[in-house]
Amino acid sequence: MTDTTKTVVLNENNFQAEVLGSDRPVLVDFWAAWCGPCRAIAPTLEQLAGEYEGTVTIGKLNVDENPGLARRYGVQAIPTMLLFRDGQVIDQIVGAVPKPMLAQKLQAALQPV
């Protein structure tokens, strides 16, 4: 595996700075290594991270390694993706959804409020 990933690995230590303190929208993928749908959507998230580089951050948070954050945001099923803007959750996507739906959500997050 090459180190060309565009997604950000999130955890308890960097969540505040990378997500809540970000000056751009952040899509957080709550996932686990044993989750088939999580693995299935990973390449799509990687593609979107490249396409939206510089405008939207896409991060991955392993729920097994960071259960406190999963509880804090009420994540009960994975994959769950939360879209943050200005430190607040503005949208939630549950399940492995098609790339166009994710792109539409990202575009909406970029629109002025």
C-alpha atoms as a PDB file:
ATOM      1  CA  MET A   1       0.000   0.000   0.000  1.00  0.00           C
ATOM      2  CA  THR A   2       1.374   3.365  -0.968  1.00  0.00           C
ATOM      3  CA  ASP A   3       1.301   6.444   1.202  1.00  0.00           C
ATOM      4  CA  THR A   4      -0.735   8.529  -1.242  1.00  0.00           C
ATOM      5  CA  THR A   5      -3.920   8.574   0.789  1.00  0.00           C
ATOM      6  CA  LYS A   6      -5.836  11.842   0.767  1.00  0.00           C
ATOM      7  CA  THR A   7      -8.044  10.982   3.733  1.00  0.00           C
ATOM      8  CA  VAL A   8      -7.053  12.069   7.235  1.00  0.00           C
ATOM      9  CA  VAL A   9      -6.813   9.497  10.021  1.00  0.00           C
ATOM     10  CA  LEU A  10      -8.806  10.876  12.941  1.00  0.00           C
ATOM     11  CA  ASN A  11      -8.638   9.952  16.626  1.00  0.00           C
ATOM     12  CA  GLU A  12      -9.327  11.331  20.097  1.00  0.00           C
ATOM     13  CA  ASN A  13      -6.099  13.365  19.967  1.00  0.00           C
ATOM     14  CA  ASN A  14      -6.633  15.248  16.694  1.00  0.00           C
ATOM     15  CA  PHE A  15     -10.448  15.389  16.389  1.00  0.00           C
ATOM     16  CA  GLN A  16     -10.734  18.840  17.975  1.00  0.00           C
ATOM     17  CA  ALA A  17      -8.160  20.419  15.639  1.00  0.00           C
ATOM     18  CA  GLU A  18      -8.913  18.494  12.439  1.00  0.00           C
ATOM     19  CA  VAL A  19     -12.725  18.483  12.616  1.00  0.00           C
ATOM     20  CA  LEU A  20     -14.194  20.899  15.145  1.00  0.00           C
ATOM     21  CA  GLY A  21     -11.587  23.587  14.523  1.00  0.00           C
ATOM     22  CA  SER A  22     -11.430  23.213  10.744  1.00  0.00           C
ATOM     23  CA  ASP A  23     -12.090  26.239   8.553  1.00  0.00           C
ATOM     24  CA  ARG A  24     -13.634  24.019   5.868  1.00  0.00           C
ATOM     25  CA  PRO A  25     -16.289  21.279   5.839  1.00  0.00           C
ATOM     26  CA  VAL A  26     -15.152  17.878   7.127  1.00  0.00           C
ATOM     27  CA  LEU A  27     -16.746  14.532   6.281  1.00  0.00           C
ATOM     28  CA  VAL A  28     -15.971  12.037   9.063  1.00  0.00           C
ATOM     29  CA  ASP A  29     -16.314   8.357   8.179  1.00  0.00           C
ATOM     30  CA  PHE A  30     -16.979   6.288  11.326  1.00  0.00           C
ATOM     31  CA  TRP A  31     -15.764   2.808  10.358  1.00  0.00           C
ATOM     32  CA  ALA A  32     -14.150  -0.437  11.554  1.00  0.00           C
ATOM     33  CA  ALA A  33     -11.764  -2.881   9.882  1.00  0.00           C
ATOM     34  CA  TRP A  34     -14.212  -5.801  10.254  1.00  0.00           C
ATOM     35  CA  CYS A  35     -17.072  -3.905   8.532  1.00  0.00           C
ATOM     36  CA  GLY A  36     -17.621  -5.029   4.926  1.00  0.00           C
ATOM     37  CA  PRO A  37     -19.649  -1.984   3.814  1.00  0.00           C
ATOM     38  CA  CYS A  38     -16.996   0.264   5.415  1.00  0.00           C
ATOM     39  CA  ARG A  39     -14.296  -1.363   3.302  1.00  0.00           C
ATOM     40  CA  ALA A  40     -16.530  -1.169   0.221  1.00  0.00           C
ATOM     41  CA  ILE A  41     -17.006   2.599   0.496  1.00  0.00           C
ATOM     42  CA  ALA A  42     -13.356   3.364   1.341  1.00  0.00           C
ATOM     43  CA  PRO A  43     -12.162   3.709  -2.301  1.00  0.00           C
ATOM     44  CA  THR A  44     -15.031   6.119  -3.040  1.00  0.00           C
ATOM     45  CA  LEU A  45     -14.100   8.271  -0.045  1.00  0.00           C
ATOM     46  CA  GLU A  46     -10.469   8.237  -1.180  1.00  0.00           C
ATOM     47  CA  GLN A  47     -11.519   9.424  -4.670  1.00  0.00           C
ATOM     48  CA  LEU A  48     -13.664  12.192  -3.211  1.00  0.00           C
ATOM     49  CA  ALA A  49     -10.816  13.260  -0.916  1.00  0.00           C
ATOM     50  CA  GLY A  50      -8.681  13.773  -4.013  1.00  0.00           C
ATOM     51  CA  GLU A  51     -11.431  15.550  -5.962  1.00  0.00           C
ATOM     52  CA  TYR A  52     -12.273  17.907  -3.089  1.00  0.00           C
ATOM     53  CA  GLU A  53      -8.709  18.409  -1.859  1.00  0.00           C
ATOM     54  CA  GLY A  54      -8.297  21.941  -0.564  1.00  0.00           C
ATOM     55  CA  THR A  55     -12.045  22.533  -0.122  1.00  0.00           C
ATOM     56  CA  VAL A  56     -13.365  19.620   1.981  1.00  0.00           C
ATOM     57  CA  THR A  57     -11.463  17.358   4.365  1.00  0.00           C
ATOM     58  CA  ILE A  58     -12.414  13.686   4.461  1.00  0.00           C
ATOM     59  CA  GLY A  59     -11.379  11.862   7.591  1.00  0.00           C
ATOM     60  CA  LYS A  60     -11.675   8.288   8.814  1.00  0.00           C
ATOM     61  CA  LEU A  61     -12.326   7.483  12.460  1.00  0.00           C
ATOM     62  CA  ASN A  62     -12.000   3.865  13.592  1.00  0.00           C
ATOM     63  CA  VAL A  63     -14.826   3.252  16.080  1.00  0.00           C
ATOM     64  CA  ASP A  64     -13.020   0.312  17.712  1.00  0.00           C
ATOM     65  CA  GLU A  65     -10.038   2.539  18.528  1.00  0.00           C
ATOM     66  CA  ASN A  66     -12.112   5.634  19.418  1.00  0.00           C
ATOM     67  CA  PRO A  67     -15.359   4.436  21.034  1.00  0.00           C
ATOM     68  CA  GLY A  68     -15.792   7.654  23.003  1.00  0.00           C
ATOM     69  CA  LEU A  69     -16.172   9.769  19.866  1.00  0.00           C
ATOM     70  CA  ALA A  70     -18.579   7.257  18.333  1.00  0.00           C
ATOM     71  CA  ARG A  71     -20.721   7.435  21.500  1.00  0.00           C
ATOM     72  CA  ARG A  72     -20.454  11.231  21.650  1.00  0.00           C
ATOM     73  CA  TYR A  73     -21.986  11.535  18.178  1.00  0.00           C
ATOM     74  CA  GLY A  74     -24.547   8.745  18.625  1.00  0.00           C
ATOM     75  CA  VAL A  75     -23.057   6.454  15.993  1.00  0.00           C
ATOM     76  CA  GLN A  76     -24.945   3.157  16.282  1.00  0.00           C
ATOM     77  CA  ALA A  77     -24.341   1.639  12.848  1.00  0.00           C
ATOM     78  CA  ILE A  78     -21.343   1.772  10.553  1.00  0.00           C
ATOM     79  CA  PRO A  79     -20.456   3.113   8.167  1.00  0.00           C
ATOM     80  CA  THR A  80     -21.889   6.387   9.394  1.00  0.00           C
ATOM     81  CA  MET A  81     -20.564   9.594   7.889  1.00  0.00           C
ATOM     82  CA  LEU A  82     -21.097  12.901   9.646  1.00  0.00           C
ATOM     83  CA  LEU A  83     -20.580  16.137   7.773  1.00  0.00           C
ATOM     84  CA  PHE A  84     -19.279  18.964   9.942  1.00  0.00           C
ATOM     85  CA  ARG A  85     -19.134  22.686   9.168  1.00  0.00           C
ATOM     86  CA  ASP A  86     -17.936  25.260  11.695  1.00  0.00           C
ATOM     87  CA  GLY A  87     -17.656  22.525  14.335  1.00  0.00           C
ATOM     88  CA  GLN A  88     -21.299  21.455  13.999  1.00  0.00           C
ATOM     89  CA  VAL A  89     -22.849  18.364  12.414  1.00  0.00           C
ATOM     90  CA  ILE A  90     -24.833  19.540   9.391  1.00  0.00           C
ATOM     91  CA  ASP A  91     -25.631  16.179   7.767  1.00  0.00           C
ATOM     92  CA  GLN A  92     -25.506  12.440   8.412  1.00  0.00           C
ATOM     93  CA  ILE A  93     -25.214   9.561   5.954  1.00  0.00           C
ATOM     94  CA  VAL A  94     -25.651   5.968   7.129  1.00  0.00           C
ATOM     95  CA  GLY A  95     -24.539   3.030   5.004  1.00  0.00           C
ATOM     96  CA  ALA A  96     -22.458   2.607   1.884  1.00  0.00           C
ATOM     97  CA  VAL A  97     -24.117   5.075  -0.453  1.00  0.00           C
ATOM     98  CA  PRO A  98     -23.268   5.827  -4.110  1.00  0.00           C
ATOM     99  CA  LYS A  99     -20.546   8.352  -4.931  1.00  0.00           C
ATOM    100  CA  PRO A 100     -22.962  10.862  -6.573  1.00  0.00           C
ATOM    101  CA  MET A 101     -24.964  11.088  -3.334  1.00  0.00           C
ATOM    102  CA  LEU A 102     -21.820  11.785  -1.306  1.00  0.00           C
ATOM    103  CA  ALA A 103     -20.639  14.361  -3.858  1.00  0.00           C
ATOM    104  CA  GLN A 104     -24.033  16.091  -3.664  1.00  0.00           C
ATOM    105  CA  LYS A 105     -23.745  16.319   0.142  1.00  0.00           C
ATOM    106  CA  LEU A 106     -20.217  17.731  -0.127  1.00  0.00           C
ATOM    107  CA  GLN A 107     -21.324  20.319  -2.683  1.00  0.00           C
ATOM    108  CA  ALA A 108     -24.187  21.380  -0.406  1.00  0.00           C
ATOM    109  CA  ALA A 109     -21.726  21.817   2.493  1.00  0.00           C
ATOM    110  CA  LEU A 110     -19.668  24.207   0.371  1.00  0.00           C
ATOM    111  CA  GLN A 111     -22.613  26.535  -0.248  1.00  0.00           C
ATOM    112  CA  PRO A 112     -22.765  29.727   1.837  1.00  0.00           C
ATOM    113  CA  VAL A 113     -25.145  29.566   4.789  1.00  0.00           C
END
